[in-house]
Protein backbone atom coordinates (compact mmCIF):
# COMPACT_ATOMS: atom_id res chain seq x y z
CA UNK A 1 -80.99 -62.78 52.01
CA UNK A 2 -81.32 -62.09 48.27
CA UNK A 3 -83.11 -59.02 46.91
CA UNK A 4 -85.77 -61.30 45.39
CA UNK A 5 -86.42 -63.01 48.72
CA UNK A 6 -86.62 -59.66 50.51
CA UNK A 7 -89.13 -58.39 47.99
CA UNK A 8 -91.26 -61.54 48.33
CA UNK A 9 -91.31 -61.23 52.15
CA UNK A 10 -92.21 -57.56 51.89
CA UNK A 11 -95.07 -58.18 49.48
CA UNK A 12 -96.51 -61.04 51.49
CA UNK A 13 -96.59 -58.89 54.61
CA UNK A 14 -98.26 -55.97 52.77
CA UNK A 15 -95.36 -53.68 53.66
CA UNK A 16 -93.71 -51.55 50.94
CA UNK A 17 -90.16 -52.71 50.12
CA UNK A 18 -87.46 -51.01 52.22
CA UNK A 19 -90.08 -49.29 54.37
CA UNK A 20 -87.53 -47.37 56.41
CA UNK A 21 -88.13 -44.14 54.51
CA UNK A 22 -88.99 -40.96 56.37
CA UNK A 23 -92.83 -41.17 56.73
CA UNK A 24 -93.11 -37.40 56.29
CA UNK A 25 -91.81 -37.70 52.75
CA UNK A 26 -93.82 -40.77 51.74
CA UNK A 27 -96.50 -39.96 49.14
CA UNK A 28 -99.88 -41.68 49.16
CA UNK A 29 -101.65 -43.01 46.08
CA UNK A 30 -105.18 -44.42 46.34
CA UNK A 31 -106.29 -46.75 43.55
CA UNK A 32 -110.08 -46.59 43.18
CA UNK A 33 -111.26 -49.49 41.07
CA UNK A 34 -113.38 -52.57 40.56
CA UNK A 35 -112.69 -56.30 40.44
CA UNK A 36 -109.54 -55.80 38.39
CA UNK A 37 -108.11 -53.73 41.24
CA UNK A 38 -109.47 -56.22 43.77
CA UNK A 39 -107.62 -58.70 41.49
CA UNK A 40 -110.16 -61.31 40.39
CA UNK A 41 -108.70 -64.31 38.58
CA UNK A 42 -110.60 -64.87 35.29
CA UNK A 43 -110.27 -68.64 35.72
CA UNK A 44 -112.29 -68.99 38.91
CA UNK A 45 -113.13 -65.43 40.09
CA UNK A 46 -111.03 -65.98 43.22
CA UNK A 47 -108.57 -63.31 44.31
CA UNK A 48 -104.98 -63.44 43.09
CA UNK A 49 -102.33 -63.68 45.85
CA UNK A 50 -101.15 -60.32 47.15
CA UNK A 51 -97.83 -60.39 45.31
CA UNK A 52 -99.53 -61.01 41.93
CA UNK A 53 -101.93 -58.05 42.03
CA UNK A 54 -101.06 -55.10 39.82
CA UNK A 55 -101.29 -52.70 42.76
CA UNK A 56 -98.66 -54.77 44.58
CA UNK A 57 -96.40 -54.65 41.53
CA UNK A 58 -97.04 -50.90 41.44
CA UNK A 59 -95.95 -50.59 45.08
CA UNK A 60 -92.79 -52.55 44.43
CA UNK A 61 -91.92 -50.50 41.34
CA UNK A 62 -92.55 -47.14 43.02
CA UNK A 63 -90.54 -48.14 46.05
CA UNK A 64 -90.45 -46.80 49.57
CA UNK A 65 -91.21 -43.20 48.61
CA UNK A 66 -94.84 -44.14 47.86
CA UNK A 67 -97.59 -45.88 49.78
CA UNK A 68 -100.10 -47.58 47.46
CA UNK A 69 -103.60 -48.11 48.90
CA UNK A 70 -105.79 -50.38 46.74
CA UNK A 71 -109.52 -49.74 46.98
CA UNK A 72 -110.94 -52.34 44.61
CA UNK A 73 -114.55 -53.52 44.87
CA UNK A 74 -116.15 -56.20 42.71
CA UNK A 75 -118.90 -54.76 40.53
CA UNK A 76 -118.11 -51.11 41.27
CA UNK A 77 -119.46 -48.68 38.67
CA UNK A 78 -118.68 -45.04 38.10
CA UNK A 79 -122.19 -43.80 38.87
CA UNK A 80 -124.83 -46.53 38.83
CA UNK A 81 -126.68 -48.13 41.72
CA UNK A 82 -126.80 -51.92 41.37
CA UNK A 83 -130.16 -53.22 42.62
CA UNK A 84 -128.80 -56.77 42.65
CA UNK A 85 -126.17 -55.88 45.26
CA UNK A 86 -126.55 -55.83 49.04
CA UNK A 87 -123.91 -53.08 49.34
CA UNK A 88 -123.04 -49.84 47.58
CA UNK A 89 -121.29 -50.33 44.24
CA UNK A 90 -121.90 -46.79 43.03
CA UNK A 91 -118.42 -45.30 42.68
CA UNK A 92 -119.58 -41.69 42.91
CA UNK A 93 -121.60 -42.28 46.08
CA UNK A 94 -118.94 -44.42 47.75
CA UNK A 95 -116.01 -42.12 46.97
CA UNK A 96 -115.87 -39.55 49.77
CA UNK A 97 -115.78 -41.90 52.78
CA UNK A 98 -112.88 -43.75 51.17
CA UNK A 99 -110.90 -40.62 50.33
CA UNK A 100 -111.37 -39.10 53.75
CA UNK A 101 -110.31 -42.39 55.34
CA UNK A 102 -106.93 -42.18 53.63
CA UNK A 103 -106.18 -38.45 53.49
CA UNK A 104 -103.88 -36.72 52.97
CA UNK A 105 -103.64 -38.15 49.45
CA UNK A 106 -101.12 -37.13 46.81
CA UNK A 107 -102.56 -39.01 43.83
CA UNK A 108 -105.86 -40.71 43.04
CA UNK A 109 -105.88 -43.41 40.37
CA UNK A 110 -109.34 -44.13 38.92
CA UNK A 111 -109.67 -47.47 37.13
CA UNK A 112 -113.38 -47.92 36.47
CA UNK A 113 -115.80 -48.19 33.57
CA UNK A 114 -116.26 -51.78 32.49
CA UNK A 115 -119.12 -52.52 34.93
CA UNK A 116 -121.00 -49.48 33.62
CA UNK A 117 -121.26 -51.43 30.35
CA UNK A 118 -123.59 -54.02 31.84
CA UNK A 119 -126.78 -54.36 29.81
CA UNK A 120 -129.00 -53.35 32.75
CA UNK A 121 -127.45 -49.85 32.97
CA UNK A 122 -127.98 -49.02 29.28
CA UNK A 123 -124.93 -46.71 29.31
CA UNK A 124 -123.33 -45.28 26.20
CA UNK A 125 -119.53 -44.82 26.13
CA UNK A 126 -120.06 -41.08 26.57
CA UNK A 127 -122.30 -41.73 29.56
CA UNK A 128 -119.61 -43.89 31.18
CA UNK A 129 -117.01 -41.16 30.64
CA UNK A 130 -119.35 -38.61 32.22
CA UNK A 131 -119.50 -40.85 35.30
CA UNK A 132 -115.71 -40.75 35.49
CA UNK A 133 -115.83 -36.96 35.18
CA UNK A 134 -118.17 -36.75 38.17
CA UNK A 135 -115.73 -38.78 40.26
CA UNK A 136 -112.81 -36.55 39.24
CA UNK A 137 -114.74 -33.41 40.17
CA UNK A 138 -115.92 -34.81 43.49
CA UNK A 139 -112.42 -35.97 44.39
CA UNK A 140 -110.73 -32.69 43.50
CA UNK A 141 -113.25 -30.65 45.49
CA UNK A 142 -113.14 -32.89 48.57
CA UNK A 143 -110.01 -31.27 50.10
CA UNK A 144 -108.27 -34.59 50.75
CA UNK A 145 -104.78 -33.43 49.70
CA UNK A 146 -102.05 -31.98 51.86
CA UNK A 147 -103.99 -28.72 52.21
CA UNK A 148 -106.94 -26.87 50.72
CA UNK A 149 -104.70 -25.02 48.27
CA UNK A 150 -103.33 -28.22 46.72
CA UNK A 151 -105.42 -29.67 43.89
CA UNK A 152 -105.49 -33.45 44.04
CA UNK A 153 -103.65 -35.04 41.14
CA UNK A 154 -105.66 -37.71 39.30
CA UNK A 155 -104.70 -40.48 36.89
CA UNK A 156 -107.60 -41.98 34.93
CA UNK A 157 -107.04 -45.48 33.54
CA UNK A 158 -109.26 -46.62 30.69
CA UNK A 159 -110.03 -50.35 30.93
CA UNK A 160 -109.02 -52.68 28.09
CA UNK A 161 -111.48 -53.60 25.40
CA UNK A 162 -113.76 -56.59 25.95
CA UNK A 163 -112.51 -59.19 23.44
CA UNK A 164 -115.28 -61.75 23.89
CA UNK A 165 -117.68 -62.91 26.57
CA UNK A 166 -118.06 -66.31 28.20
CA UNK A 167 -120.76 -68.05 30.22
CA UNK A 168 -123.02 -65.76 32.29
CA UNK A 169 -121.04 -62.68 31.23
CA UNK A 170 -122.64 -62.92 27.78
CA UNK A 171 -126.04 -61.93 29.09
CA UNK A 172 -124.94 -59.44 31.76
CA UNK A 173 -122.55 -57.59 29.43
CA UNK A 174 -124.49 -57.88 26.20
CA UNK A 175 -123.42 -55.07 23.86
CA UNK A 176 -120.28 -54.27 25.86
CA UNK A 177 -117.79 -55.52 23.24
CA UNK A 178 -118.68 -52.73 20.82
CA UNK A 179 -119.03 -50.07 23.53
CA UNK A 180 -115.70 -50.92 25.15
CA UNK A 181 -113.90 -50.11 21.90
CA UNK A 182 -115.27 -46.56 22.05
CA UNK A 183 -114.43 -45.71 25.67
CA UNK A 184 -110.89 -44.41 25.16
CA UNK A 185 -111.59 -41.18 23.21
CA UNK A 186 -114.42 -40.22 25.55
CA UNK A 187 -112.24 -40.85 28.61
CA UNK A 188 -109.41 -38.81 27.07
CA UNK A 189 -111.76 -35.92 26.35
CA UNK A 190 -113.06 -35.92 29.94
CA UNK A 191 -109.52 -35.86 31.32
CA UNK A 192 -108.66 -32.83 29.18
CA UNK A 193 -111.45 -30.92 30.93
CA UNK A 194 -109.89 -31.22 34.40
CA UNK A 195 -106.72 -29.65 35.78
CA UNK A 196 -103.95 -31.89 37.11
CA UNK A 197 -105.66 -34.88 35.54
CA UNK A 198 -103.82 -37.45 33.45
CA UNK A 199 -104.86 -40.30 31.17
CA UNK A 200 -103.61 -43.80 30.48
CA UNK A 201 -105.18 -46.21 27.99
CA UNK A 202 -104.55 -49.83 29.02
CA UNK A 203 -105.12 -51.21 25.54
CA UNK A 204 -101.69 -49.88 24.61
CA UNK A 205 -100.09 -52.56 26.83
CA UNK A 206 -102.61 -55.23 27.92
CA UNK A 207 -105.78 -57.07 26.95
CA UNK A 208 -108.57 -58.57 29.02
CA UNK A 209 -108.29 -62.32 29.40
CA UNK A 210 -110.12 -64.35 26.72
CA UNK A 211 -111.17 -66.72 29.51
CA UNK A 212 -114.01 -64.43 30.59
CA UNK A 213 -113.43 -61.23 28.58
CA UNK A 214 -113.43 -58.96 31.65
CA UNK A 215 -110.61 -59.77 34.04
CA UNK A 216 -106.82 -59.73 33.75
CA UNK A 217 -104.30 -62.54 33.52
CA UNK A 218 -101.38 -62.74 35.92
CA UNK A 219 -99.09 -61.48 33.16
CA UNK A 220 -101.38 -58.50 32.52
CA UNK A 221 -101.25 -57.59 36.22
CA UNK A 222 -97.46 -57.53 36.08
CA UNK A 223 -97.38 -55.39 32.94
CA UNK A 224 -100.04 -52.99 34.20
CA UNK A 225 -98.31 -52.47 37.54
CA UNK A 226 -94.98 -51.71 35.91
CA UNK A 227 -96.49 -49.41 33.28
CA UNK A 228 -98.60 -47.41 35.72
CA UNK A 229 -95.55 -46.97 37.96
CA UNK A 230 -93.63 -45.57 35.01
CA UNK A 231 -96.54 -43.21 34.25
CA UNK A 232 -96.78 -42.01 37.85
CA UNK A 233 -93.07 -41.25 37.98
CA UNK A 234 -93.39 -39.14 34.86
CA UNK A 235 -96.44 -37.31 36.26
CA UNK A 236 -94.63 -36.54 39.48
CA UNK A 237 -91.51 -35.36 37.71
CA UNK A 238 -93.58 -33.05 35.52
CA UNK A 239 -92.78 -34.84 32.28
């Protein structure tokens, strides 16, 4: 069997490639995100196949020494309750049950922010960043690492800018184009205020799809997964 075929079989079965590694030495990364971590296709809002999702690419790139756990929820915000939803989309409120379900955790990746820009929440870019800060603080004080002395490492990913809006997104995300361009410096500033916290700005490598202005193309998923894997390796090696 070729390496490519082996990788495809591994991805389709949700098992990390070459999963024969010593489980004691496997590190766990939880990706806490929204519909772009759930992997919504901008064309029809359906979910991309498992092997296309950026978290699956991330798993493949990191290899058998990491276990990637995607926790993506459509509409998730950093701190806002969504009255239109039948379930909790408030990222701060929903965080602890998820973290404690997967502990011990070595790294938490936070990829949120774009849903906070919905018109109904009236959030400024600084307000969105403050929501991310609350999640970082709650995660690092939740004792979900290997022990109580180990501070949970965090990687904050700033979403790409909103290029344009189509169809019903125009009304729901009115004003988000301008606000999305201002998120990065506020996110970076928040990250600087927390220990063992790292920052990655997606606009350096990808853009949101022009189809709906919010979600990622298949190509963007591939690029994001590879780039985040590279970033994680550098974080873990102390670079």
